[in-house]
Every structure is written in structure tokens, then in C-alpha cells.
Amino acid sequence: MKHPASERPSEGGAERPEEAPATHARTRIKICGLTREQDVDAAVAAGADAIGFVLYPKSPRCVTAQRAGELARRLPPMVTPVLLFVNASTPEIVAAADRVPGAALQFHGDESAADCAAAAAATGRPFWRAARIPTDTAAAFDLLEFAHGFSNAQAILLDAHVDGY
């Protein structure tokens, strides 16, 4: 007996599992902390969906907003520039966003959902929230609860917890 392609047994006689339903969510790749043109170009060539620029002065990968703007101009239209902040003030965020058109905002510090929403409203930009997953208490970290608390975020990013952010 012939089976339609969707009902055909797989090798070994086992039936194929039903295909998972399509959703609007998909994994996107963001490369962060780039400071040099050649690294931005390489990340784009490798297929990155977003490029992050760190605007946290204590980071060894920190760039100025002006430099972030220069690097972001190298990005093709479908690659999102992302400005990463750690506990920055809204005026600092607005000033940086003015230098990088089309950039999303990423918050990586102790910002509350209200802080993130206020900065997003002040800039007219979407925001992403980093979830810093602790290594020693990973079982106690509830990602779903964290994401629920930042339900207005365009994206939740998973990152390792590092002292000092």
C-alpha cells in the first residue's frame, strides 16, 4: 500500500512524528561587544541578525555612542544595531540613540521593567532585556517569571552572569 508523503514510514519502519506547529518566534543571533570594522564585517558575513555595541564604561569592549554610530553605518538594512546599557540614565540613553538610527536598546544591569519602558518611550525604540543566568543558583532562576516581568520587551536575551555585568 502506498502512503502519502506525510504518512510514509521512516527508515526502520517507525512513523514520522507530526511536524511542530509554526510560531512567530525564532532564534536570532546577536554578536555583541564589537569595536572594530573588520569584526563587524565578519559578523555580518557570518549571518548575524544583530550587532551589539557596549556603552558601559567599565567594559573592556565599551565604545562611545559616536563610535557605535560609525560602526552601525556598516550594517546592511536587515541587521539590527543594538546599544547595550548598564544602569544608564534616560538622558544618556536618548543621547546615544540619537547617534545610532534604528538601534534597539538592550538593558543589561539592574533596570526595572518601568526603567526600560521609560527609556524606550523616550527614544521611540524597542528594548531588549538581558537575563543574566547565574551559575551557582541556576535552578532558582525562573526564566519564564523573568520574561513575564519584562513582557513589553521585544526580546529576552540569555547571557551568563558575570560580576560587574
Protein backbone atom coordinates (compact mmCIF):
# COMPACT_ATOMS: atom_id res chain seq x y z
CA MET A 1 0.00 0.00 0.00
CA LYS A 2 1.29 3.45 -0.89
CA HIS A 3 1.44 6.14 1.79
CA PRO A 4 1.17 9.85 1.10
CA ALA A 5 4.48 11.58 1.81
CA SER A 6 3.23 12.82 5.18
CA GLU A 7 2.21 9.31 6.25
CA ARG A 8 5.15 7.36 4.83
CA PRO A 9 7.02 5.33 7.43
CA SER A 10 10.57 6.48 8.02
CA GLU A 11 13.52 4.16 7.66
CA GLY A 12 13.29 1.34 10.14
CA GLY A 13 9.51 1.29 9.99
CA ALA A 14 8.79 3.95 12.63
CA GLU A 15 6.25 6.61 11.80
CA ARG A 16 7.39 10.23 11.46
CA PRO A 17 6.35 12.49 14.29
CA GLU A 18 3.91 15.25 13.45
CA GLU A 19 5.58 18.48 12.43
CA ALA A 20 5.72 21.12 15.14
CA PRO A 21 3.29 23.97 14.57
CA ALA A 22 4.84 27.13 13.19
CA THR A 23 5.15 30.03 15.60
CA HIS A 24 6.18 33.64 15.23
CA ALA A 25 9.22 33.09 17.45
CA ARG A 26 12.61 32.16 16.12
CA THR A 27 16.14 32.18 17.39
CA ARG A 28 18.11 35.22 16.29
CA ILE A 29 21.87 35.58 16.57
CA LYS A 30 23.34 38.74 18.10
CA ILE A 31 27.08 39.30 18.22
CA CYS A 32 27.95 41.82 20.91
CA GLY A 33 30.90 43.86 22.04
CA LEU A 34 32.36 44.62 18.62
CA THR A 35 34.70 47.58 18.38
CA ARG A 36 36.43 47.18 15.01
CA GLU A 37 35.18 47.48 11.45
CA GLN A 38 36.64 44.12 10.40
CA ASP A 39 34.80 42.35 13.24
CA VAL A 40 31.50 43.99 12.30
CA ASP A 41 32.02 42.97 8.67
CA ALA A 42 32.90 39.39 9.66
CA ALA A 43 29.81 39.07 11.90
CA VAL A 44 27.57 40.33 9.10
CA ALA A 45 29.20 37.95 6.60
CA ALA A 46 28.63 35.07 9.04
CA GLY A 47 24.90 35.82 9.11
CA ALA A 48 24.39 37.68 12.39
CA ASP A 49 20.92 39.16 12.79
CA ALA A 50 22.04 41.89 15.18
CA ILE A 51 25.27 43.57 16.25
CA GLY A 52 25.62 44.93 19.77
CA PHE A 53 27.67 47.92 20.83
CA VAL A 54 28.55 48.16 24.51
CA LEU A 55 28.08 51.62 26.02
CA TYR A 56 29.09 50.63 29.55
CA PRO A 57 32.30 52.47 30.52
CA LYS A 58 33.52 49.67 32.81
CA SER A 59 33.54 47.14 29.97
CA PRO A 60 36.74 46.48 28.06
CA ARG A 61 34.55 46.39 24.94
CA CYS A 62 33.00 49.81 25.54
CA VAL A 63 32.66 52.21 22.62
CA THR A 64 31.37 55.77 22.58
CA ALA A 65 27.97 56.48 21.08
CA GLN A 66 29.74 58.24 18.23
CA ARG A 67 31.85 55.13 17.53
CA ALA A 68 28.76 52.91 17.74
CA GLY A 69 27.15 55.12 15.10
CA GLU A 70 30.20 54.82 12.84
CA LEU A 71 30.23 51.04 13.15
CA ALA A 72 26.44 50.76 12.73
CA ARG A 73 26.62 52.56 9.38
CA ARG A 74 28.40 49.46 8.05
CA LEU A 75 25.35 47.27 8.73
CA PRO A 76 23.01 46.22 5.92
CA PRO A 77 19.31 47.03 6.40
CA MET A 78 18.31 43.62 7.79
CA VAL A 79 20.95 43.59 10.56
CA THR A 80 19.82 45.38 13.71
CA PRO A 81 22.22 47.61 15.62
CA VAL A 82 21.79 47.21 19.38
CA LEU A 83 23.01 49.64 22.04
CA LEU A 84 23.85 47.87 25.30
CA PHE A 85 23.41 49.86 28.51
CA VAL A 86 24.07 49.01 32.15
CA ASN A 87 22.15 51.20 34.60
CA ALA A 88 22.40 54.27 32.36
CA SER A 89 20.20 57.32 32.83
CA THR A 90 17.40 58.08 30.38
CA PRO A 91 19.19 61.24 29.11
CA GLU A 92 22.33 59.16 28.40
CA ILE A 93 20.25 56.59 26.54
CA VAL A 94 18.44 59.25 24.49
CA ALA A 95 21.74 60.93 23.54
CA ALA A 96 23.26 57.62 22.43
CA ALA A 97 20.16 56.55 20.50
CA ASP A 98 20.23 59.85 18.60
CA ARG A 99 23.66 58.86 17.22
CA VAL A 100 22.60 55.39 16.04
CA PRO A 101 19.43 55.49 13.92
CA GLY A 102 17.31 52.36 14.05
CA ALA A 103 19.12 50.82 17.01
CA ALA A 104 17.30 48.72 19.55
CA LEU A 105 18.12 49.28 23.22
CA GLN A 106 19.44 46.45 25.37
CA PHE A 107 19.41 46.65 29.15
CA HIS A 108 21.90 44.51 30.97
CA GLY A 109 22.03 45.90 34.51
CA ASP A 110 19.54 46.29 37.33
CA GLU A 111 16.97 48.19 35.28
CA SER A 112 13.36 47.56 36.20
CA ALA A 113 10.63 46.98 33.64
CA ALA A 114 9.49 50.57 34.25
CA ASP A 115 13.03 51.89 33.65
CA CYS A 116 13.26 50.02 30.36
CA ALA A 117 9.81 51.13 29.23
CA ALA A 118 10.58 54.78 30.08
CA ALA A 119 13.81 54.73 28.05
CA ALA A 120 12.07 53.00 25.15
CA ALA A 121 9.29 55.60 25.20
CA ALA A 122 11.78 58.49 25.39
CA THR A 123 13.68 57.21 22.34
CA GLY A 124 10.84 55.64 20.37
CA ARG A 125 12.92 52.45 20.16
CA PRO A 126 12.15 48.85 21.10
CA PHE A 127 14.03 47.40 24.03
CA TRP A 128 15.63 44.05 24.69
CA ARG A 129 16.31 42.76 28.20
CA ALA A 130 19.23 40.54 29.10
CA ALA A 131 18.61 37.73 31.55
CA ARG A 132 21.88 37.08 33.33
CA ILE A 133 21.70 33.40 34.22
CA PRO A 134 23.58 32.72 37.46
CA THR A 135 25.79 29.64 37.51
CA ASP A 136 25.63 28.85 41.21
CA THR A 137 21.87 29.21 41.65
CA ALA A 138 20.68 28.37 38.14
CA ALA A 139 17.95 26.11 39.50
CA ALA A 140 16.50 29.07 41.41
CA PHE A 141 16.37 31.34 38.35
CA ASP A 142 12.94 31.28 36.71
CA LEU A 143 13.31 32.44 33.12
CA LEU A 144 9.56 32.42 32.49
CA GLU A 145 8.96 34.63 35.51
CA PHE A 146 11.76 36.95 34.39
CA ALA A 147 10.32 37.18 30.86
CA HIS A 148 6.83 37.80 32.23
CA GLY A 149 8.20 40.73 34.24
CA PHE A 150 9.54 42.25 31.01
CA SER A 151 6.57 41.43 28.80
CA ASN A 152 6.96 44.74 26.90
CA ALA A 153 10.45 43.76 25.76
CA GLN A 154 10.84 42.98 22.08
CA ALA A 155 13.32 40.25 23.03
CA ILE A 156 14.79 38.48 26.04
CA LEU A 157 18.47 37.62 25.65
CA LEU A 158 20.17 34.87 27.60
CA ASP A 159 23.62 35.66 28.92
CA ALA A 160 25.98 34.37 31.56
CA HIS A 161 26.07 36.17 34.88
CA VAL A 162 29.37 37.97 35.30
CA ASP A 163 30.24 40.08 38.33
CA GLY A 164 30.17 43.74 37.34
CA TYR A 165 27.75 42.93 34.48
